[in-house]
Amino acid sequence: MTDILKKSWNAFSDDIAQKYLKSFGHPSMDSKLLVCDVLKNLKPHPIKLVDLGCGNANLAEYLADSGLKFSYCGVDFSETLLTAARNAFPQGSYICDDVNTLSLVPKDFDIACYSHVIEMLESPESS
């Protein structure tokens, strides 16, 4: 991931990042419904979910509101976005890492979700 990209996202203030992500920088309703339907059919519950490129944890909020039982780890490269995520879904755990390397993310999750980060991947096919 380029330093320019990191600097641009980290330049947002926490309150601006939260407002942006609540308005249009989050997964579409269709993608949230799809993820929720898939997760509800997985066993065991609760599911251990890692959200790669979590932004403000909008997906986690939606899943919790849908009644899904899960543990959540959000991963993003921006501390500003992770602050927004922690405020939005404080029961999750959060890691600042690059989705291209995931060098800090444990490998013990039941499922990993990418939502609106495919354009950030240096090699989507390897992901």
N, C-alpha and C. Protein backbone atom coordinates (compact mmCIF):
# COMPACT_ATOMS: atom_id res chain seq x y z
N MET A 1 0.85 -1.17 0.00
CA MET A 1 0.00 0.00 0.00
C MET A 1 0.89 1.23 0.00
N THR A 2 0.51 2.22 -0.77
CA THR A 2 1.36 3.38 -0.90
C THR A 2 1.26 4.27 0.34
N ASP A 3 2.37 4.94 0.61
CA ASP A 3 2.38 5.89 1.73
C ASP A 3 1.42 7.04 1.48
N ILE A 4 1.25 7.41 0.21
CA ILE A 4 0.32 8.50 -0.13
C ILE A 4 -1.09 8.14 0.28
N LEU A 5 -1.49 6.91 0.02
CA LEU A 5 -2.83 6.46 0.39
C LEU A 5 -3.00 6.47 1.90
N LYS A 6 -2.02 5.97 2.62
CA LYS A 6 -2.10 5.98 4.09
C LYS A 6 -2.20 7.40 4.62
N LYS A 7 -1.37 8.29 4.09
CA LYS A 7 -1.39 9.68 4.55
C LYS A 7 -2.74 10.33 4.27
N SER A 8 -3.32 10.04 3.12
CA SER A 8 -4.60 10.67 2.79
C SER A 8 -5.69 10.25 3.76
N TRP A 9 -5.80 8.96 4.09
CA TRP A 9 -6.83 8.51 5.02
C TRP A 9 -6.53 8.96 6.43
N ASN A 10 -5.29 8.97 6.82
CA ASN A 10 -4.95 9.37 8.18
C ASN A 10 -5.03 10.87 8.38
N ALA A 11 -5.21 11.63 7.29
CA ALA A 11 -5.34 13.08 7.40
C ALA A 11 -6.73 13.50 7.89
N PHE A 12 -7.72 12.60 7.76
CA PHE A 12 -9.06 12.91 8.25
C PHE A 12 -9.05 13.02 9.76
N SER A 13 -9.82 13.96 10.28
CA SER A 13 -10.03 13.98 11.73
C SER A 13 -10.99 12.84 12.05
N ASP A 14 -10.98 12.42 13.30
CA ASP A 14 -11.85 11.30 13.70
C ASP A 14 -13.32 11.58 13.42
N ASP A 15 -13.78 12.79 13.72
CA ASP A 15 -15.21 13.08 13.50
C ASP A 15 -15.57 13.14 12.03
N ILE A 16 -14.69 13.64 11.19
CA ILE A 16 -14.95 13.66 9.74
C ILE A 16 -14.96 12.23 9.19
N ALA A 17 -14.04 11.40 9.64
CA ALA A 17 -14.00 10.01 9.19
C ALA A 17 -15.30 9.29 9.55
N GLN A 18 -15.80 9.50 10.75
CA GLN A 18 -17.05 8.85 11.16
C GLN A 18 -18.22 9.33 10.32
N LYS A 19 -18.30 10.64 10.06
CA LYS A 19 -19.40 11.17 9.26
C LYS A 19 -19.34 10.65 7.83
N TYR A 20 -18.14 10.63 7.25
CA TYR A 20 -17.98 10.14 5.88
C TYR A 20 -18.41 8.67 5.79
N LEU A 21 -17.89 7.87 6.69
CA LEU A 21 -18.17 6.44 6.63
C LEU A 21 -19.63 6.12 6.94
N LYS A 22 -20.28 6.92 7.74
CA LYS A 22 -21.70 6.68 8.03
C LYS A 22 -22.57 7.07 6.84
N SER A 23 -22.10 7.98 6.01
CA SER A 23 -22.95 8.46 4.92
C SER A 23 -22.81 7.62 3.66
N PHE A 24 -21.60 7.42 3.15
CA PHE A 24 -21.48 6.65 1.91
C PHE A 24 -20.25 5.79 1.80
N GLY A 25 -19.39 5.80 2.74
CA GLY A 25 -18.19 4.99 2.66
C GLY A 25 -18.31 3.68 3.41
N HIS A 26 -19.38 2.92 3.16
CA HIS A 26 -19.58 1.66 3.87
C HIS A 26 -20.17 0.63 2.92
N PRO A 27 -20.19 -0.62 3.31
CA PRO A 27 -20.73 -1.67 2.43
C PRO A 27 -22.18 -1.40 2.05
N SER A 28 -22.54 -1.78 0.85
CA SER A 28 -23.92 -1.63 0.40
C SER A 28 -24.83 -2.56 1.20
N MET A 29 -26.11 -2.24 1.20
CA MET A 29 -27.07 -3.08 1.90
C MET A 29 -27.07 -4.49 1.31
N ASP A 30 -26.95 -4.60 -0.02
CA ASP A 30 -26.92 -5.93 -0.64
C ASP A 30 -25.74 -6.75 -0.14
N SER A 31 -24.57 -6.13 -0.03
CA SER A 31 -23.40 -6.91 0.44
C SER A 31 -23.54 -7.28 1.90
N LYS A 32 -24.11 -6.41 2.72
CA LYS A 32 -24.32 -6.74 4.13
C LYS A 32 -25.33 -7.88 4.28
N LEU A 33 -26.41 -7.84 3.49
CA LEU A 33 -27.40 -8.93 3.53
C LEU A 33 -26.77 -10.25 3.12
N LEU A 34 -25.97 -10.23 2.08
CA LEU A 34 -25.31 -11.45 1.61
C LEU A 34 -24.39 -12.03 2.68
N VAL A 35 -23.55 -11.19 3.26
CA VAL A 35 -22.63 -11.66 4.30
C VAL A 35 -23.42 -12.21 5.48
N CYS A 36 -24.46 -11.51 5.89
CA CYS A 36 -25.27 -11.96 7.02
C CYS A 36 -25.92 -13.31 6.74
N ASP A 37 -26.49 -13.49 5.55
CA ASP A 37 -27.11 -14.76 5.20
C ASP A 37 -26.11 -15.91 5.22
N VAL A 38 -24.92 -15.66 4.68
CA VAL A 38 -23.88 -16.70 4.67
C VAL A 38 -23.47 -17.04 6.11
N LEU A 39 -23.24 -16.04 6.92
CA LEU A 39 -22.77 -16.29 8.28
C LEU A 39 -23.81 -17.00 9.14
N LYS A 40 -25.09 -16.70 8.92
CA LYS A 40 -26.14 -17.36 9.70
C LYS A 40 -26.19 -18.85 9.43
N ASN A 41 -25.71 -19.28 8.27
CA ASN A 41 -25.73 -20.71 7.93
C ASN A 41 -24.45 -21.45 8.29
N LEU A 42 -23.48 -20.75 8.79
CA LEU A 42 -22.23 -21.40 9.19
C LEU A 42 -22.35 -21.94 10.60
N LYS A 43 -21.64 -22.99 10.85
CA LYS A 43 -21.53 -23.55 12.20
C LYS A 43 -20.06 -23.59 12.54
N PRO A 44 -19.63 -23.48 13.69
CA PRO A 44 -20.37 -23.24 14.93
C PRO A 44 -20.65 -21.75 15.12
N HIS A 45 -21.53 -21.49 16.08
CA HIS A 45 -21.76 -20.12 16.50
C HIS A 45 -21.22 -19.99 17.91
N PRO A 46 -20.64 -18.95 18.33
CA PRO A 46 -20.43 -17.75 17.53
C PRO A 46 -19.29 -17.92 16.52
N ILE A 47 -19.40 -17.23 15.42
CA ILE A 47 -18.39 -17.26 14.36
C ILE A 47 -17.28 -16.29 14.71
N LYS A 48 -16.05 -16.69 14.42
CA LYS A 48 -14.91 -15.79 14.58
C LYS A 48 -14.67 -15.13 13.23
N LEU A 49 -15.00 -13.83 13.14
CA LEU A 49 -14.98 -13.09 11.89
C LEU A 49 -13.87 -12.05 11.90
N VAL A 50 -13.10 -11.99 10.82
CA VAL A 50 -12.15 -10.90 10.62
C VAL A 50 -12.63 -10.11 9.41
N ASP A 51 -12.74 -8.80 9.58
CA ASP A 51 -13.22 -7.88 8.55
C ASP A 51 -12.01 -7.09 8.05
N LEU A 52 -11.54 -7.46 6.86
CA LEU A 52 -10.33 -6.86 6.29
C LEU A 52 -10.70 -5.60 5.52
N GLY A 53 -10.18 -4.48 5.99
CA GLY A 53 -10.60 -3.19 5.45
C GLY A 53 -11.89 -2.76 6.11
N CYS A 54 -11.92 -2.83 7.43
CA CYS A 54 -13.17 -2.68 8.19
C CYS A 54 -13.74 -1.27 8.18
N GLY A 55 -12.94 -0.28 7.85
CA GLY A 55 -13.46 1.10 7.90
C GLY A 55 -13.98 1.41 9.28
N ASN A 56 -15.26 1.75 9.38
CA ASN A 56 -15.84 2.12 10.68
C ASN A 56 -16.64 1.00 11.32
N ALA A 57 -16.41 -0.24 10.92
CA ALA A 57 -17.09 -1.42 11.49
C ALA A 57 -18.58 -1.42 11.22
N ASN A 58 -18.99 -0.79 10.14
CA ASN A 58 -20.40 -0.76 9.76
C ASN A 58 -20.96 -2.16 9.58
N LEU A 59 -20.17 -3.06 9.01
CA LEU A 59 -20.62 -4.44 8.84
C LEU A 59 -20.89 -5.10 10.19
N ALA A 60 -20.00 -4.90 11.15
CA ALA A 60 -20.19 -5.49 12.47
C ALA A 60 -21.46 -4.97 13.14
N GLU A 61 -21.71 -3.68 13.02
CA GLU A 61 -22.93 -3.11 13.58
C GLU A 61 -24.17 -3.77 12.95
N TYR A 62 -24.15 -3.93 11.65
CA TYR A 62 -25.28 -4.53 10.95
C TYR A 62 -25.49 -5.98 11.39
N LEU A 63 -24.40 -6.73 11.46
CA LEU A 63 -24.51 -8.14 11.86
C LEU A 63 -25.05 -8.28 13.28
N ALA A 64 -24.58 -7.42 14.18
CA ALA A 64 -25.07 -7.46 15.56
C ALA A 64 -26.56 -7.09 15.62
N ASP A 65 -26.95 -6.07 14.85
CA ASP A 65 -28.35 -5.66 14.81
C ASP A 65 -29.24 -6.76 14.22
N SER A 66 -28.65 -7.63 13.39
CA SER A 66 -29.39 -8.74 12.78
C SER A 66 -29.51 -9.95 13.70
N GLY A 67 -28.90 -9.85 14.88
CA GLY A 67 -29.00 -10.93 15.85
C GLY A 67 -27.94 -12.01 15.73
N LEU A 68 -26.99 -11.82 14.84
CA LEU A 68 -25.93 -12.82 14.66
C LEU A 68 -24.99 -12.80 15.87
N LYS A 69 -24.62 -13.98 16.34
CA LYS A 69 -23.65 -14.11 17.43
C LYS A 69 -22.28 -14.35 16.81
N PHE A 70 -21.33 -13.47 17.10
CA PHE A 70 -20.01 -13.56 16.49
C PHE A 70 -18.98 -12.80 17.32
N SER A 71 -17.73 -13.19 17.14
CA SER A 71 -16.63 -12.36 17.65
C SER A 71 -16.05 -11.66 16.44
N TYR A 72 -15.60 -10.44 16.63
CA TYR A 72 -15.23 -9.58 15.52
C TYR A 72 -13.85 -8.98 15.69
N CYS A 73 -13.08 -9.05 14.62
CA CYS A 73 -11.79 -8.37 14.56
C CYS A 73 -11.77 -7.54 13.28
N GLY A 74 -11.63 -6.25 13.43
CA GLY A 74 -11.55 -5.35 12.29
C GLY A 74 -10.10 -5.01 11.98
N VAL A 75 -9.76 -5.02 10.71
CA VAL A 75 -8.40 -4.71 10.26
C VAL A 75 -8.47 -3.56 9.26
N ASP A 76 -7.68 -2.54 9.49
CA ASP A 76 -7.58 -1.44 8.54
C ASP A 76 -6.18 -0.84 8.65
N PHE A 77 -5.76 -0.14 7.60
CA PHE A 77 -4.43 0.46 7.59
C PHE A 77 -4.42 1.85 8.23
N SER A 78 -5.59 2.39 8.50
CA SER A 78 -5.70 3.76 9.00
C SER A 78 -6.11 3.78 10.46
N GLU A 79 -5.30 4.40 11.29
CA GLU A 79 -5.66 4.55 12.70
C GLU A 79 -6.90 5.44 12.85
N THR A 80 -7.07 6.41 11.96
CA THR A 80 -8.25 7.25 12.00
C THR A 80 -9.51 6.42 11.79
N LEU A 81 -9.48 5.53 10.79
CA LEU A 81 -10.64 4.68 10.54
C LEU A 81 -10.85 3.69 11.68
N LEU A 82 -9.77 3.19 12.26
CA LEU A 82 -9.91 2.26 13.38
C LEU A 82 -10.49 2.96 14.60
N THR A 83 -10.18 4.22 14.80
CA THR A 83 -10.80 4.98 15.89
C THR A 83 -12.30 5.07 15.67
N ALA A 84 -12.70 5.34 14.43
CA ALA A 84 -14.14 5.37 14.11
C ALA A 84 -14.77 4.01 14.37
N ALA A 85 -14.07 2.94 14.00
CA ALA A 85 -14.58 1.58 14.21
C ALA A 85 -14.73 1.27 15.70
N ARG A 86 -13.73 1.61 16.48
CA ARG A 86 -13.79 1.35 17.93
C ARG A 86 -14.96 2.07 18.57
N ASN A 87 -15.22 3.29 18.10
CA ASN A 87 -16.36 4.06 18.63
C ASN A 87 -17.69 3.45 18.21
N ALA A 88 -17.76 2.95 16.98
CA ALA A 88 -19.00 2.41 16.45
C ALA A 88 -19.33 1.02 17.00
N PHE A 89 -18.29 0.19 17.18
CA PHE A 89 -18.50 -1.19 17.63
C PHE A 89 -17.42 -1.54 18.65
N PRO A 90 -17.55 -1.03 19.87
CA PRO A 90 -16.50 -1.18 20.88
C PRO A 90 -16.25 -2.61 21.35
N GLN A 91 -17.19 -3.53 21.12
CA GLN A 91 -16.98 -4.91 21.55
C GLN A 91 -16.04 -5.68 20.64
N GLY A 92 -15.63 -5.10 19.52
CA GLY A 92 -14.69 -5.76 18.62
C GLY A 92 -13.25 -5.55 19.05
N SER A 93 -12.35 -6.27 18.39
CA SER A 93 -10.92 -6.01 18.55
C SER A 93 -10.42 -5.47 17.20
N TYR A 94 -9.36 -4.69 17.22
CA TYR A 94 -8.93 -3.98 16.02
C TYR A 94 -7.42 -4.05 15.86
N ILE A 95 -7.00 -4.18 14.60
CA ILE A 95 -5.58 -4.29 14.27
C ILE A 95 -5.29 -3.33 13.12
N CYS A 96 -4.25 -2.55 13.27
CA CYS A 96 -3.78 -1.69 12.19
C CYS A 96 -2.77 -2.50 11.37
N ASP A 97 -3.16 -2.86 10.13
CA ASP A 97 -2.31 -3.68 9.27
C ASP A 97 -2.67 -3.43 7.82
N ASP A 98 -1.80 -3.82 6.94
CA ASP A 98 -1.97 -3.69 5.50
C ASP A 98 -2.65 -4.95 4.97
N VAL A 99 -3.77 -4.80 4.23
CA VAL A 99 -4.48 -5.97 3.72
C VAL A 99 -3.68 -6.74 2.67
N ASN A 100 -2.61 -6.15 2.18
CA ASN A 100 -1.76 -6.85 1.21
C ASN A 100 -0.82 -7.84 1.87
N THR A 101 -0.51 -7.63 3.13
CA THR A 101 0.44 -8.51 3.82
C THR A 101 -0.17 -9.25 5.00
N LEU A 102 -1.06 -8.59 5.72
CA LEU A 102 -1.70 -9.15 6.92
C LEU A 102 -0.67 -9.77 7.87
N SER A 103 0.41 -9.08 8.06
CA SER A 103 1.50 -9.61 8.88
C SER A 103 1.16 -9.63 10.37
N LEU A 104 0.19 -8.85 10.81
CA LEU A 104 -0.15 -8.77 12.23
C LEU A 104 -1.44 -9.51 12.59
N VAL A 105 -2.11 -10.06 11.59
CA VAL A 105 -3.42 -10.67 11.80
C VAL A 105 -3.28 -12.16 12.09
N PRO A 106 -3.83 -12.64 13.21
CA PRO A 106 -3.80 -14.08 13.49
C PRO A 106 -4.55 -14.85 12.40
N LYS A 107 -4.25 -16.12 12.29
CA LYS A 107 -4.86 -16.94 11.23
C LYS A 107 -5.94 -17.87 11.78
N ASP A 108 -6.54 -17.54 12.90
CA ASP A 108 -7.48 -18.46 13.56
C ASP A 108 -8.94 -18.03 13.46
N PHE A 109 -9.32 -17.43 12.34
CA PHE A 109 -10.70 -16.99 12.15
C PHE A 109 -11.47 -18.02 11.33
N ASP A 110 -12.79 -18.07 11.55
CA ASP A 110 -13.64 -18.95 10.76
C ASP A 110 -13.85 -18.41 9.35
N ILE A 111 -13.94 -17.09 9.27
CA ILE A 111 -14.19 -16.47 7.97
C ILE A 111 -13.57 -15.07 7.92
N ALA A 112 -13.10 -14.71 6.74
CA ALA A 112 -12.57 -13.37 6.50
C ALA A 112 -13.43 -12.69 5.46
N CYS A 113 -13.78 -11.44 5.71
CA CYS A 113 -14.57 -10.65 4.76
C CYS A 113 -13.73 -9.50 4.25
N TYR A 114 -13.80 -9.30 2.95
CA TYR A 114 -13.28 -8.09 2.32
C TYR A 114 -14.49 -7.30 1.86
N SER A 115 -14.58 -6.07 2.19
CA SER A 115 -15.69 -5.25 1.72
C SER A 115 -15.15 -3.90 1.26
N HIS A 116 -15.22 -3.66 -0.02
CA HIS A 116 -14.75 -2.42 -0.63
C HIS A 116 -13.24 -2.21 -0.45
N VAL A 117 -12.47 -3.28 -0.52
CA VAL A 117 -11.01 -3.13 -0.46
C VAL A 117 -10.30 -3.77 -1.64
N ILE A 118 -11.04 -4.40 -2.54
CA ILE A 118 -10.39 -5.10 -3.65
C ILE A 118 -9.49 -4.16 -4.44
N GLU A 119 -9.89 -2.90 -4.56
CA GLU A 119 -9.08 -1.94 -5.30
C GLU A 119 -7.79 -1.58 -4.58
N MET A 120 -7.68 -1.93 -3.31
CA MET A 120 -6.48 -1.65 -2.54
C MET A 120 -5.46 -2.78 -2.60
N LEU A 121 -5.87 -3.91 -3.11
CA LEU A 121 -4.98 -5.08 -3.12
C LEU A 121 -3.98 -5.00 -4.28
N GLU A 122 -2.73 -5.21 -3.95
CA GLU A 122 -1.70 -5.22 -4.99
C GLU A 122 -1.86 -6.42 -5.90
N SER A 123 -2.35 -7.54 -5.35
CA SER A 123 -2.50 -8.76 -6.13
C SER A 123 -3.79 -9.46 -5.67
N PRO A 124 -4.96 -9.02 -6.18
CA PRO A 124 -6.22 -9.62 -5.73
C PRO A 124 -6.27 -11.13 -5.92
N GLU A 125 -5.66 -11.64 -6.97
CA GLU A 125 -5.69 -13.09 -7.20
C GLU A 125 -4.93 -13.85 -6.12
N SER A 126 -3.90 -13.26 -5.56
CA SER A 126 -3.15 -13.92 -4.48
C SER A 126 -3.92 -13.87 -3.16
N SER A 127 -4.72 -12.85 -3.02
CA SER A 127 -5.48 -12.68 -1.79
C SER A 127 -6.43 -13.82 -1.58
